[in-house]
Amino acid sequence: MDKLVEIFDLQKAFNDSVIKERQLGHIRPEEWMQRHTLALMCELAEMLEETNYKWWKNARPVNEDALKEELVDILHFFISLCLNAGMDAEDLYARYLKKNKVNFGRQTGEVDKPGYKLGES
């Protein structure tokens, strides 16, 4: 099985289980988007805490394992958002490829969008 497909399947199974076990079936789809977005933002903040971003404090060694765990937590909520939006692994992959091509075009000056032409200030 494709790894991304498996991640989506596992996250859907987990989300469905949480909804059933915690009796959360009454929550509307747009509320799930809001809740998963807030949770994602919290996980991003937790990941940031692992990176010594506070330049005004003495740096400490980065706990690589904790940092990676937070990144996985971020992925959990990101995939949940994708599922809430009706995306599956194939859709995410296709949209990623399309946007990646656009992003490369922007960096090589191959687009007409203002601000991306090479040599412009």
PDB file of N, CA and C in Angstrom:
ATOM      1  N   MET A   1       0.848  -1.183   0.000  1.00  0.00           N
ATOM      2  CA  MET A   1       0.000   0.000   0.000  1.00  0.00           C
ATOM      3  C   MET A   1       0.892   1.243   0.000  1.00  0.00           C
ATOM      4  N   ASP A   2       0.470   2.247  -0.739  1.00  0.00           N
ATOM      5  CA  ASP A   2       1.159   3.526  -0.769  1.00  0.00           C
ATOM      6  C   ASP A   2       1.176   4.126   0.646  1.00  0.00           C
ATOM      7  N   LYS A   3       2.310   4.672   1.042  1.00  0.00           N
ATOM      8  CA  LYS A   3       2.452   5.190   2.409  1.00  0.00           C
ATOM      9  C   LYS A   3       1.511   6.358   2.688  1.00  0.00           C
ATOM     10  N   LEU A   4       1.352   7.256   1.723  1.00  0.00           N
ATOM     11  CA  LEU A   4       0.452   8.388   1.945  1.00  0.00           C
ATOM     12  C   LEU A   4      -0.993   7.921   2.055  1.00  0.00           C
ATOM     13  N   VAL A   5      -1.378   6.978   1.218  1.00  0.00           N
ATOM     14  CA  VAL A   5      -2.729   6.403   1.300  1.00  0.00           C
ATOM     15  C   VAL A   5      -2.930   5.765   2.670  1.00  0.00           C
ATOM     16  N   GLU A   6      -1.936   5.045   3.140  1.00  0.00           N
ATOM     17  CA  GLU A   6      -2.031   4.407   4.452  1.00  0.00           C
ATOM     18  C   GLU A   6      -2.180   5.445   5.562  1.00  0.00           C
ATOM     19  N   ILE A   7      -1.431   6.531   5.485  1.00  0.00           N
ATOM     20  CA  ILE A   7      -1.544   7.591   6.488  1.00  0.00           C
ATOM     21  C   ILE A   7      -2.962   8.156   6.496  1.00  0.00           C
ATOM     22  N   PHE A   8      -3.501   8.427   5.320  1.00  0.00           N
ATOM     23  CA  PHE A   8      -4.870   8.944   5.239  1.00  0.00           C
ATOM     24  C   PHE A   8      -5.866   7.943   5.826  1.00  0.00           C
ATOM     25  N   ASP A   9      -5.707   6.658   5.488  1.00  0.00           N
ATOM     26  CA  ASP A   9      -6.621   5.623   6.001  1.00  0.00           C
ATOM     27  C   ASP A   9      -6.542   5.526   7.520  1.00  0.00           C
ATOM     28  N   LEU A  10      -5.330   5.537   8.047  1.00  0.00           N
ATOM     29  CA  LEU A  10      -5.156   5.454   9.501  1.00  0.00           C
ATOM     30  C   LEU A  10      -5.742   6.667  10.206  1.00  0.00           C
ATOM     31  N   GLN A  11      -5.549   7.845   9.630  1.00  0.00           N
ATOM     32  CA  GLN A  11      -6.080   9.053  10.271  1.00  0.00           C
ATOM     33  C   GLN A  11      -7.597   9.069  10.228  1.00  0.00           C
ATOM     34  N   LYS A  12      -8.172   8.631   9.108  1.00  0.00           N
ATOM     35  CA  LYS A  12      -9.634   8.569   9.024  1.00  0.00           C
ATOM     36  C   LYS A  12     -10.190   7.595  10.059  1.00  0.00           C
ATOM     37  N   ALA A  13      -9.558   6.447  10.194  1.00  0.00           N
ATOM     38  CA  ALA A  13     -10.006   5.459  11.184  1.00  0.00           C
ATOM     39  C   ALA A  13      -9.907   6.032  12.596  1.00  0.00           C
ATOM     40  N   PHE A  14      -8.817   6.744  12.871  1.00  0.00           N
ATOM     41  CA  PHE A  14      -8.658   7.347  14.198  1.00  0.00           C
ATOM     42  C   PHE A  14      -9.729   8.407  14.436  1.00  0.00           C
ATOM     43  N   ASN A  15      -9.925   9.301  13.461  1.00  0.00           N
ATOM     44  CA  ASN A  15     -10.933  10.357  13.609  1.00  0.00           C
ATOM     45  C   ASN A  15     -12.316   9.760  13.820  1.00  0.00           C
ATOM     46  N   ASP A  16     -12.671   8.751  13.020  1.00  0.00           N
ATOM     47  CA  ASP A  16     -13.976   8.103  13.167  1.00  0.00           C
ATOM     48  C   ASP A  16     -14.128   7.485  14.554  1.00  0.00           C
ATOM     49  N   SER A  17     -13.057   6.891  15.063  1.00  0.00           N
ATOM     50  CA  SER A  17     -13.087   6.281  16.391  1.00  0.00           C
ATOM     51  C   SER A  17     -13.298   7.330  17.479  1.00  0.00           C
ATOM     52  N   VAL A  18     -12.603   8.440  17.372  1.00  0.00           N
ATOM     53  CA  VAL A  18     -12.747   9.512  18.367  1.00  0.00           C
ATOM     54  C   VAL A  18     -14.175  10.046  18.352  1.00  0.00           C
ATOM     55  N   ILE A  19     -14.714  10.254  17.158  1.00  0.00           N
ATOM     56  CA  ILE A  19     -16.082  10.765  17.050  1.00  0.00           C
ATOM     57  C   ILE A  19     -17.071   9.801  17.693  1.00  0.00           C
ATOM     58  N   LYS A  20     -16.881   8.521  17.433  1.00  0.00           N
ATOM     59  CA  LYS A  20     -17.798   7.513  17.991  1.00  0.00           C
ATOM     60  C   LYS A  20     -17.628   7.383  19.506  1.00  0.00           C
ATOM     61  N   GLU A  21     -16.407   7.170  19.962  1.00  0.00           N
ATOM     62  CA  GLU A  21     -16.152   6.904  21.380  1.00  0.00           C
ATOM     63  C   GLU A  21     -16.453   8.103  22.266  1.00  0.00           C
ATOM     64  N   ARG A  22     -16.250   9.301  21.756  1.00  0.00           N
ATOM     65  CA  ARG A  22     -16.478  10.506  22.551  1.00  0.00           C
ATOM     66  C   ARG A  22     -17.803  11.186  22.219  1.00  0.00           C
ATOM     67  N   GLN A  23     -18.603  10.498  21.408  1.00  0.00           N
ATOM     68  CA  GLN A  23     -19.939  10.968  21.043  1.00  0.00           C
ATOM     69  C   GLN A  23     -19.908  12.400  20.517  1.00  0.00           C
ATOM     70  N   LEU A  24     -19.127  12.583  19.446  1.00  0.00           N
ATOM     71  CA  LEU A  24     -18.933  13.909  18.858  1.00  0.00           C
ATOM     72  C   LEU A  24     -19.581  14.036  17.479  1.00  0.00           C
ATOM     73  N   GLY A  25     -20.522  13.153  17.198  1.00  0.00           N
ATOM     74  CA  GLY A  25     -21.177  13.155  15.896  1.00  0.00           C
ATOM     75  C   GLY A  25     -21.985  14.401  15.601  1.00  0.00           C
ATOM     76  N   HIS A  26     -22.275  15.186  16.617  1.00  0.00           N
ATOM     77  CA  HIS A  26     -23.072  16.407  16.437  1.00  0.00           C
ATOM     78  C   HIS A  26     -22.257  17.587  15.904  1.00  0.00           C
ATOM     79  N   ILE A  27     -20.945  17.451  15.887  1.00  0.00           N
ATOM     80  CA  ILE A  27     -20.099  18.565  15.456  1.00  0.00           C
ATOM     81  C   ILE A  27     -20.161  18.695  13.937  1.00  0.00           C
ATOM     82  N   ARG A  28     -20.450  19.906  13.492  1.00  0.00           N
ATOM     83  CA  ARG A  28     -20.595  20.187  12.060  1.00  0.00           C
ATOM     84  C   ARG A  28     -19.233  20.196  11.363  1.00  0.00           C
ATOM     85  N   PRO A  29     -19.208  19.901  10.055  1.00  0.00           N
ATOM     86  CA  PRO A  29     -17.938  19.861   9.315  1.00  0.00           C
ATOM     87  C   PRO A  29     -17.106  21.138   9.445  1.00  0.00           C
ATOM     88  N   GLU A  30     -17.749  22.304   9.375  1.00  0.00           N
ATOM     89  CA  GLU A  30     -16.982  23.548   9.482  1.00  0.00           C
ATOM     90  C   GLU A  30     -16.381  23.716  10.877  1.00  0.00           C
ATOM     91  N   GLU A  31     -17.056  23.176  11.887  1.00  0.00           N
ATOM     92  CA  GLU A  31     -16.487  23.220  13.233  1.00  0.00           C
ATOM     93  C   GLU A  31     -15.259  22.316  13.336  1.00  0.00           C
ATOM     94  N   TRP A  32     -15.301  21.159  12.648  1.00  0.00           N
ATOM     95  CA  TRP A  32     -14.128  20.290  12.639  1.00  0.00           C
ATOM     96  C   TRP A  32     -12.951  20.997  11.989  1.00  0.00           C
ATOM     97  N   MET A  33     -13.221  21.743  10.908  1.00  0.00           N
ATOM     98  CA  MET A  33     -12.147  22.502  10.263  1.00  0.00           C
ATOM     99  C   MET A  33     -11.537  23.491  11.260  1.00  0.00           C
ATOM    100  N   GLN A  34     -12.387  24.179  11.995  1.00  0.00           N
ATOM    101  CA  GLN A  34     -11.902  25.152  12.980  1.00  0.00           C
ATOM    102  C   GLN A  34     -11.112  24.455  14.082  1.00  0.00           C
ATOM    103  N   ARG A  35     -11.654  23.376  14.604  1.00  0.00           N
ATOM    104  CA  ARG A  35     -10.985  22.667  15.706  1.00  0.00           C
ATOM    105  C   ARG A  35      -9.645  22.075  15.275  1.00  0.00           C
ATOM    106  N   HIS A  36      -9.635  21.463  14.094  1.00  0.00           N
ATOM    107  CA  HIS A  36      -8.378  20.886  13.618  1.00  0.00           C
ATOM    108  C   HIS A  36      -7.356  21.969  13.281  1.00  0.00           C
ATOM    109  N   THR A  37      -7.826  23.120  12.804  1.00  0.00           N
ATOM    110  CA  THR A  37      -6.909  24.234  12.551  1.00  0.00           C
ATOM    111  C   THR A  37      -6.292  24.733  13.849  1.00  0.00           C
ATOM    112  N   LEU A  38      -7.117  24.904  14.874  1.00  0.00           N
ATOM    113  CA  LEU A  38      -6.594  25.338  16.177  1.00  0.00           C
ATOM    114  C   LEU A  38      -5.606  24.324  16.744  1.00  0.00           C
ATOM    115  N   ALA A  39      -5.941  23.061  16.626  1.00  0.00           N
ATOM    116  CA  ALA A  39      -5.037  22.017  17.124  1.00  0.00           C
ATOM    117  C   ALA A  39      -3.722  22.032  16.339  1.00  0.00           C
ATOM    118  N   LEU A  40      -3.805  22.217  15.031  1.00  0.00           N
ATOM    119  CA  LEU A  40      -2.603  22.299  14.204  1.00  0.00           C
ATOM    120  C   LEU A  40      -1.735  23.479  14.630  1.00  0.00           C
ATOM    121  N   MET A  41      -2.362  24.615  14.880  1.00  0.00           N
ATOM    122  CA  MET A  41      -1.616  25.794  15.321  1.00  0.00           C
ATOM    123  C   MET A  41      -0.922  25.539  16.660  1.00  0.00           C
ATOM    124  N   CYS A  42      -1.601  24.857  17.562  1.00  0.00           N
ATOM    125  CA  CYS A  42      -0.992  24.523  18.857  1.00  0.00           C
ATOM    126  C   CYS A  42       0.201  23.595  18.676  1.00  0.00           C
ATOM    127  N   GLU A  43       0.056  22.617  17.794  1.00  0.00           N
ATOM    128  CA  GLU A  43       1.168  21.698  17.544  1.00  0.00           C
ATOM    129  C   GLU A  43       2.346  22.415  16.879  1.00  0.00           C
ATOM    130  N   LEU A  44       2.056  23.373  16.008  1.00  0.00           N
ATOM    131  CA  LEU A  44       3.124  24.173  15.418  1.00  0.00           C
ATOM    132  C   LEU A  44       3.873  24.952  16.494  1.00  0.00           C
ATOM    133  N   ALA A  45       3.131  25.503  17.440  1.00  0.00           N
ATOM    134  CA  ALA A  45       3.762  26.236  18.546  1.00  0.00           C
ATOM    135  C   ALA A  45       4.606  25.292  19.404  1.00  0.00           C
ATOM    136  N   GLU A  46       4.120  24.088  19.647  1.00  0.00           N
ATOM    137  CA  GLU A  46       4.882  23.111  20.420  1.00  0.00           C
ATOM    138  C   GLU A  46       6.170  22.725  19.686  1.00  0.00           C
ATOM    139  N   MET A  47       6.078  22.592  18.368  1.00  0.00           N
ATOM    140  CA  MET A  47       7.271  22.288  17.582  1.00  0.00           C
ATOM    141  C   MET A  47       8.262  23.445  17.668  1.00  0.00           C
ATOM    142  N   LEU A  48       7.754  24.657  17.586  1.00  0.00           N
ATOM    143  CA  LEU A  48       8.612  25.837  17.662  1.00  0.00           C
ATOM    144  C   LEU A  48       9.352  25.900  18.992  1.00  0.00           C
ATOM    145  N   GLU A  49       8.690  25.483  20.056  1.00  0.00           N
ATOM    146  CA  GLU A  49       9.316  25.469  21.382  1.00  0.00           C
ATOM    147  C   GLU A  49      10.554  24.575  21.419  1.00  0.00           C
ATOM    148  N   GLU A  50      10.622  23.612  20.522  1.00  0.00           N
ATOM    149  CA  GLU A  50      11.758  22.683  20.482  1.00  0.00           C
ATOM    150  C   GLU A  50      12.943  23.217  19.679  1.00  0.00           C
ATOM    151  N   THR A  51      12.840  24.442  19.137  1.00  0.00           N
ATOM    152  CA  THR A  51      13.847  24.920  18.193  1.00  0.00           C
ATOM    153  C   THR A  51      14.708  26.081  18.665  1.00  0.00           C
ATOM    154  N   ASN A  52      14.644  26.453  19.930  1.00  0.00           N
ATOM    155  CA  ASN A  52      15.455  27.576  20.437  1.00  0.00           C
ATOM    156  C   ASN A  52      15.154  28.882  19.704  1.00  0.00           C
ATOM    157  N   TYR A  53      13.889  29.146  19.430  1.00  0.00           N
ATOM    158  CA  TYR A  53      13.556  30.364  18.704  1.00  0.00           C
ATOM    159  C   TYR A  53      13.685  31.622  19.553  1.00  0.00           C
ATOM    160  N   LYS A  54      13.750  31.454  20.851  1.00  0.00           N
ATOM    161  CA  LYS A  54      13.852  32.617  21.744  1.00  0.00           C
ATOM    162  C   LYS A  54      15.296  33.098  21.795  1.00  0.00           C
ATOM    163  N   TRP A  55      15.624  34.033  20.958  1.00  0.00           N
ATOM    164  CA  TRP A  55      16.995  34.530  20.862  1.00  0.00           C
ATOM    165  C   TRP A  55      17.453  35.238  22.121  1.00  0.00           C
ATOM    166  N   TRP A  56      16.519  35.603  22.988  1.00  0.00           N
ATOM    167  CA  TRP A  56      16.850  36.312  24.214  1.00  0.00           C
ATOM    168  C   TRP A  56      17.165  35.372  25.375  1.00  0.00           C
ATOM    169  N   LYS A  57      17.121  34.080  25.121  1.00  0.00           N
ATOM    170  CA  LYS A  57      17.439  33.091  26.151  1.00  0.00           C
ATOM    171  C   LYS A  57      18.668  32.287  25.745  1.00  0.00           C
ATOM    172  N   ASN A  58      19.302  31.707  26.743  1.00  0.00           N
ATOM    173  CA  ASN A  58      20.420  30.813  26.449  1.00  0.00           C
ATOM    174  C   ASN A  58      19.894  29.575  25.708  1.00  0.00           C
ATOM    175  N   ALA A  59      20.553  29.248  24.639  1.00  0.00           N
ATOM    176  CA  ALA A  59      20.135  28.080  23.849  1.00  0.00           C
ATOM    177  C   ALA A  59      20.397  26.799  24.625  1.00  0.00           C
ATOM    178  N   ARG A  60      19.542  25.830  24.398  1.00  0.00           N
ATOM    179  CA  ARG A  60      19.724  24.505  24.976  1.00  0.00           C
ATOM    180  C   ARG A  60      19.797  23.524  23.828  1.00  0.00           C
ATOM    181  N   PRO A  61      20.331  22.351  24.065  1.00  0.00           N
ATOM    182  CA  PRO A  61      20.380  21.364  22.970  1.00  0.00           C
ATOM    183  C   PRO A  61      18.970  21.046  22.468  1.00  0.00           C
ATOM    184  N   VAL A  62      18.836  20.951  21.171  1.00  0.00           N
ATOM    185  CA  VAL A  62      17.544  20.613  20.580  1.00  0.00           C
ATOM    186  C   VAL A  62      17.302  19.125  20.791  1.00  0.00           C
ATOM    187  N   ASN A  63      16.139  18.808  21.321  1.00  0.00           N
ATOM    188  CA  ASN A  63      15.729  17.418  21.504  1.00  0.00           C
ATOM    189  C   ASN A  63      15.132  16.954  20.172  1.00  0.00           C
ATOM    190  N   GLU A  64      15.956  16.318  19.364  1.00  0.00           N
ATOM    191  CA  GLU A  64      15.543  15.909  18.017  1.00  0.00           C
ATOM    192  C   GLU A  64      14.331  14.977  18.035  1.00  0.00           C
ATOM    193  N   ASP A  65      14.268  14.089  19.018  1.00  0.00           N
ATOM    194  CA  ASP A  65      13.145  13.162  19.097  1.00  0.00           C
ATOM    195  C   ASP A  65      11.851  13.919  19.386  1.00  0.00           C
ATOM    196  N   ALA A  66      11.893  14.860  20.316  1.00  0.00           N
ATOM    197  CA  ALA A  66      10.698  15.649  20.643  1.00  0.00           C
ATOM    198  C   ALA A  66      10.277  16.500  19.444  1.00  0.00           C
ATOM    199  N   LEU A  67      11.244  17.060  18.746  1.00  0.00           N
ATOM    200  CA  LEU A  67      10.964  17.859  17.559  1.00  0.00           C
ATOM    201  C   LEU A  67      10.243  17.013  16.508  1.00  0.00           C
ATOM    202  N   LYS A  68      10.742  15.816  16.269  1.00  0.00           N
ATOM    203  CA  LYS A  68      10.134  14.927  15.276  1.00  0.00           C
ATOM    204  C   LYS A  68       8.741  14.477  15.714  1.00  0.00           C
ATOM    205  N   GLU A  69       8.561  14.270  17.002  1.00  0.00           N
ATOM    206  CA  GLU A  69       7.233  13.888  17.510  1.00  0.00           C
ATOM    207  C   GLU A  69       6.224  15.002  17.248  1.00  0.00           C
ATOM    208  N   GLU A  70       6.641  16.243  17.460  1.00  0.00           N
ATOM    209  CA  GLU A  70       5.742  17.365  17.195  1.00  0.00           C
ATOM    210  C   GLU A  70       5.414  17.455  15.705  1.00  0.00           C
ATOM    211  N   LEU A  71       6.380  17.181  14.849  1.00  0.00           N
ATOM    212  CA  LEU A  71       6.117  17.188  13.409  1.00  0.00           C
ATOM    213  C   LEU A  71       5.089  16.128  13.025  1.00  0.00           C
ATOM    214  N   VAL A  72       5.152  14.981  13.675  1.00  0.00           N
ATOM    215  CA  VAL A  72       4.158  13.928  13.419  1.00  0.00           C
ATOM    216  C   VAL A  72       2.784  14.384  13.910  1.00  0.00           C
ATOM    217  N   ASP A  73       2.738  15.041  15.065  1.00  0.00           N
ATOM    218  CA  ASP A  73       1.461  15.583  15.557  1.00  0.00           C
ATOM    219  C   ASP A  73       0.882  16.585  14.556  1.00  0.00           C
ATOM    220  N   ILE A  74       1.744  17.424  13.989  1.00  0.00           N
ATOM    221  CA  ILE A  74       1.316  18.383  12.971  1.00  0.00           C
ATOM    222  C   ILE A  74       0.721  17.642  11.776  1.00  0.00           C
ATOM    223  N   LEU A  75       1.386  16.573  11.363  1.00  0.00           N
ATOM    224  CA  LEU A  75       0.886  15.790  10.234  1.00  0.00           C
ATOM    225  C   LEU A  75      -0.495  15.202  10.530  1.00  0.00           C
ATOM    226  N   HIS A  76      -0.690  14.711  11.746  1.00  0.00           N
ATOM    227  CA  HIS A  76      -2.003  14.172  12.134  1.00  0.00           C
ATOM    228  C   HIS A  76      -3.111  15.193  11.873  1.00  0.00           C
ATOM    229  N   PHE A  77      -2.908  16.408  12.352  1.00  0.00           N
ATOM    230  CA  PHE A  77      -3.956  17.411  12.202  1.00  0.00           C
ATOM    231  C   PHE A  77      -4.047  17.941  10.777  1.00  0.00           C
ATOM    232  N   PHE A  78      -2.924  18.004  10.073  1.00  0.00           N
ATOM    233  CA  PHE A  78      -2.972  18.413   8.670  1.00  0.00           C
ATOM    234  C   PHE A  78      -3.782  17.410   7.850  1.00  0.00           C
ATOM    235  N   ILE A  79      -3.535  16.132   8.061  1.00  0.00           N
ATOM    236  CA  ILE A  79      -4.288  15.105   7.327  1.00  0.00           C
ATOM    237  C   ILE A  79      -5.761  15.165   7.712  1.00  0.00           C
ATOM    238  N   SER A  80      -6.054  15.417   8.977  1.00  0.00           N
ATOM    239  CA  SER A  80      -7.451  15.571   9.390  1.00  0.00           C
ATOM    240  C   SER A  80      -8.110  16.727   8.644  1.00  0.00           C
ATOM    241  N   LEU A  81      -7.388  17.823   8.481  1.00  0.00           N
ATOM    242  CA  LEU A  81      -7.924  18.954   7.720  1.00  0.00           C
ATOM    243  C   LEU A  81      -8.178  18.564   6.268  1.00  0.00           C
ATOM    244  N   CYS A  82      -7.255  17.827   5.683  1.00  0.00           N
ATOM    245  CA  CYS A  82      -7.448  17.351   4.316  1.00  0.00           C
ATOM    246  C   CYS A  82      -8.713  16.507   4.224  1.00  0.00           C
ATOM    247  N   LEU A  83      -8.878  15.594   5.167  1.00  0.00           N
ATOM    248  CA  LEU A  83     -10.065  14.744   5.185  1.00  0.00           C
ATOM    249  C   LEU A  83     -11.326  15.582   5.359  1.00  0.00           C
ATOM    250  N   ASN A  84     -11.287  16.567   6.247  1.00  0.00           N
ATOM    251  CA  ASN A  84     -12.436  17.453   6.449  1.00  0.00           C
ATOM    252  C   ASN A  84     -12.806  18.183   5.161  1.00  0.00           C
ATOM    253  N   ALA A  85     -11.799  18.501   4.351  1.00  0.00           N
ATOM    254  CA  ALA A  85     -12.016  19.230   3.106  1.00  0.00           C
ATOM    255  C   ALA A  85     -12.396  18.303   1.947  1.00  0.00           C
ATOM    256  N   GLY A  86     -12.514  17.013   2.229  1.00  0.00           N
ATOM    257  CA  GLY A  86     -12.904  16.060   1.205  1.00  0.00           C
ATOM    258  C   GLY A  86     -11.761  15.586   0.330  1.00  0.00           C
ATOM    259  N   MET A  87     -10.542  15.775   0.810  1.00  0.00           N
ATOM    260  CA  MET A  87      -9.375  15.343   0.040  1.00  0.00           C
ATOM    261  C   MET A  87      -8.933  13.957   0.480  1.00  0.00           C
ATOM    262  N   ASP A  88      -8.457  13.183  -0.483  1.00  0.00           N
ATOM    263  CA  ASP A  88      -7.813  11.919  -0.152  1.00  0.00           C
ATOM    264  C   ASP A  88      -6.341  12.028  -0.539  1.00  0.00           C
ATOM    265  N   ALA A  89      -5.604  10.968  -0.368  1.00  0.00           N
ATOM    266  CA  ALA A  89      -4.166  10.993  -0.625  1.00  0.00           C
ATOM    267  C   ALA A  89      -3.867  11.321  -2.091  1.00  0.00           C
ATOM    268  N   GLU A  90      -4.645  10.761  -2.998  1.00  0.00           N
ATOM    269  CA  GLU A  90      -4.421  11.017  -4.425  1.00  0.00           C
ATOM    270  C   GLU A  90      -4.669  12.477  -4.770  1.00  0.00           C
ATOM    271  N   ASP A  91      -5.715  13.042  -4.205  1.00  0.00           N
ATOM    272  CA  ASP A  91      -6.027  14.450  -4.456  1.00  0.00           C
ATOM    273  C   ASP A  91      -4.924  15.353  -3.908  1.00  0.00           C
ATOM    274  N   LEU A  92      -4.479  15.079  -2.692  1.00  0.00           N
ATOM    275  CA  LEU A  92      -3.395  15.869  -2.108  1.00  0.00           C
ATOM    276  C   LEU A  92      -2.139  15.772  -2.967  1.00  0.00           C
ATOM    277  N   TYR A  93      -1.800  14.572  -3.389  1.00  0.00           N
ATOM    278  CA  TYR A  93      -0.619  14.354  -4.209  1.00  0.00           C
ATOM    279  C   TYR A  93      -0.712  15.133  -5.526  1.00  0.00           C
ATOM    280  N   ALA A  94      -1.849  15.036  -6.199  1.00  0.00           N
ATOM    281  CA  ALA A  94      -2.026  15.732  -7.477  1.00  0.00           C
ATOM    282  C   ALA A  94      -1.949  17.247  -7.295  1.00  0.00           C
ATOM    283  N   ARG A  95      -2.585  17.753  -6.247  1.00  0.00           N
ATOM    284  CA  ARG A  95      -2.558  19.193  -5.993  1.00  0.00           C
ATOM    285  C   ARG A  95      -1.159  19.656  -5.598  1.00  0.00           C
ATOM    286  N   TYR A  96      -0.452  18.814  -4.865  1.00  0.00           N
ATOM    287  CA  TYR A  96       0.927  19.142  -4.494  1.00  0.00           C
ATOM    288  C   TYR A  96       1.797  19.265  -5.744  1.00  0.00           C
ATOM    289  N   LEU A  97       1.693  18.292  -6.644  1.00  0.00           N
ATOM    290  CA  LEU A  97       2.491  18.325  -7.874  1.00  0.00           C
ATOM    291  C   LEU A  97       2.201  19.582  -8.684  1.00  0.00           C
ATOM    292  N   LYS A  98       0.934  19.926  -8.813  1.00  0.00           N
ATOM    293  CA  LYS A  98       0.542  21.110  -9.576  1.00  0.00           C
ATOM    294  C   LYS A  98       1.115  22.380  -8.938  1.00  0.00           C
ATOM    295  N   LYS A  99       0.959  22.510  -7.637  1.00  0.00           N
ATOM    296  CA  LYS A  99       1.438  23.707  -6.941  1.00  0.00           C
ATOM    297  C   LYS A  99       2.960  23.761  -6.914  1.00  0.00           C
ATOM    298  N   ASN A 100       3.617  22.614  -6.793  1.00  0.00           N
ATOM    299  CA  ASN A 100       5.077  22.569  -6.798  1.00  0.00           C
ATOM    300  C   ASN A 100       5.615  23.101  -8.127  1.00  0.00           C
ATOM    301  N   LYS A 101       4.958  22.739  -9.212  1.00  0.00           N
ATOM    302  CA  LYS A 101       5.361  23.229 -10.528  1.00  0.00           C
ATOM    303  C   LYS A 101       5.221  24.748 -10.600  1.00  0.00           C
ATOM    304  N   VAL A 102       4.129  25.277 -10.076  1.00  0.00           N
ATOM    305  CA  VAL A 102       3.917  26.727 -10.032  1.00  0.00           C
ATOM    306  C   VAL A 102       5.007  27.389  -9.193  1.00  0.00           C
ATOM    307  N   ASN A 103       5.301  26.811  -8.031  1.00  0.00           N
ATOM    308  CA  ASN A 103       6.317  27.393  -7.153  1.00  0.00           C
ATOM    309  C   ASN A 103       7.689  27.432  -7.817  1.00  0.00           C
ATOM    310  N   PHE A 104       8.059  26.361  -8.512  1.00  0.00           N
ATOM    311  CA  PHE A 104       9.326  26.361  -9.232  1.00  0.00           C
ATOM    312  C   PHE A 104       9.317  27.433 -10.314  1.00  0.00           C
ATOM    313  N   GLY A 105       8.203  27.561 -11.022  1.00  0.00           N
ATOM    314  CA  GLY A 105       8.089  28.590 -12.050  1.00  0.00           C
ATOM    315  C   GLY A 105       8.244  29.989 -11.492  1.00  0.00           C
ATOM    316  N   ARG A 106       7.719  30.195 -10.309  1.00  0.00           N
ATOM    317  CA  ARG A 106       7.866  31.502  -9.666  1.00  0.00           C
ATOM    318  C   ARG A 106       9.326  31.796  -9.350  1.00  0.00           C
ATOM    319  N   GLN A 107      10.052  30.813  -8.913  1.00  0.00           N
ATOM    320  CA  GLN A 107      11.442  31.026  -8.524  1.00  0.00           C
ATOM    321  C   GLN A 107      12.381  31.120  -9.714  1.00  0.00           C
ATOM    322  N   THR A 108      11.952  30.641 -10.856  1.00  0.00           N
ATOM    323  CA  THR A 108      12.792  30.727 -12.051  1.00  0.00           C
ATOM    324  C   THR A 108      12.324  31.837 -12.988  1.00  0.00           C
ATOM    325  N   GLY A 109      11.341  32.625 -12.541  1.00  0.00           N
ATOM    326  CA  GLY A 109      10.862  33.756 -13.328  1.00  0.00           C
ATOM    327  C   GLY A 109      10.008  33.376 -14.516  1.00  0.00           C
ATOM    328  N   GLU A 110       9.437  32.192 -14.505  1.00  0.00           N
ATOM    329  CA  GLU A 110       8.650  31.704 -15.643  1.00  0.00           C
ATOM    330  C   GLU A 110       7.156  31.965 -15.508  1.00  0.00           C
ATOM    331  N   VAL A 111       6.765  32.876 -14.639  1.00  0.00           N
ATOM    332  CA  VAL A 111       5.348  33.187 -14.460  1.00  0.00           C
ATOM    333  C   VAL A 111       5.140  34.687 -14.665  1.00  0.00           C
ATOM    334  N   ASP A 112       3.904  35.050 -14.935  1.00  0.00           N
ATOM    335  CA  ASP A 112       3.579  36.453 -15.154  1.00  0.00           C
ATOM    336  C   ASP A 112       3.167  37.171 -13.876  1.00  0.00           C
ATOM    337  N   LYS A 113       3.046  36.448 -12.800  1.00  0.00           N
ATOM    338  CA  LYS A 113       2.589  37.047 -11.551  1.00  0.00           C
ATOM    339  C   LYS A 113       3.603  38.095 -11.070  1.00  0.00           C
ATOM    340  N   PRO A 114       3.121  39.281 -10.711  1.00  0.00           N
ATOM    341  CA  PRO A 114       4.044  40.343 -10.245  1.00  0.00           C
ATOM    342  C   PRO A 114       4.864  39.912  -9.035  1.00  0.00           C
ATOM    343  N   GLY A 115       6.107  40.341  -9.060  1.00  0.00           N
ATOM    344  CA  GLY A 115       6.989  40.071  -7.933  1.00  0.00           C
ATOM    345  C   GLY A 115       7.853  38.838  -8.078  1.00  0.00           C
ATOM    346  N   TYR A 116       7.701  38.120  -9.183  1.00  0.00           N
ATOM    347  CA  TYR A 116       8.461  36.884  -9.357  1.00  0.00           C
ATOM    348  C   TYR A 116       9.409  36.900 -10.565  1.00  0.00           C
ATOM    349  N   LYS A 117       9.377  37.974 -11.343  1.00  0.00           N
ATOM    350  CA  LYS A 117      10.294  38.056 -12.477  1.00  0.00           C
ATOM    351  C   LYS A 117      11.714  38.208 -11.945  1.00  0.00           C
ATOM    352  N   LEU A 118      12.619  37.441 -12.489  1.00  0.00           N
ATOM    353  CA  LEU A 118      14.011  37.537 -12.067  1.00  0.00           C
ATOM    354  C   LEU A 118      14.565  38.892 -12.480  1.00  0.00           C
ATOM    355  N   GLY A 119      15.334  39.491 -11.582  1.00  0.00           N
ATOM    356  CA  GLY A 119      15.936  40.787 -11.859  1.00  0.00           C
ATOM    357  C   GLY A 119      15.080  41.957 -11.432  1.00  0.00           C
ATOM    358  N   GLU A 120      13.807  41.702 -11.021  1.00  0.00           N
ATOM    359  CA  GLU A 120      12.943  42.773 -10.509  1.00  0.00           C
ATOM    360  C   GLU A 120      13.283  43.041  -9.058  1.00  0.00           C
ATOM    361  N   SER A 121      13.066  44.274  -8.667  1.00  0.00           N
ATOM    362  CA  SER A 121      13.262  44.623  -7.248  1.00  0.00           C
ATOM    363  C   SER A 121      11.935  44.887  -6.608  1.00  0.00           C
TER     364      SER A 121
END
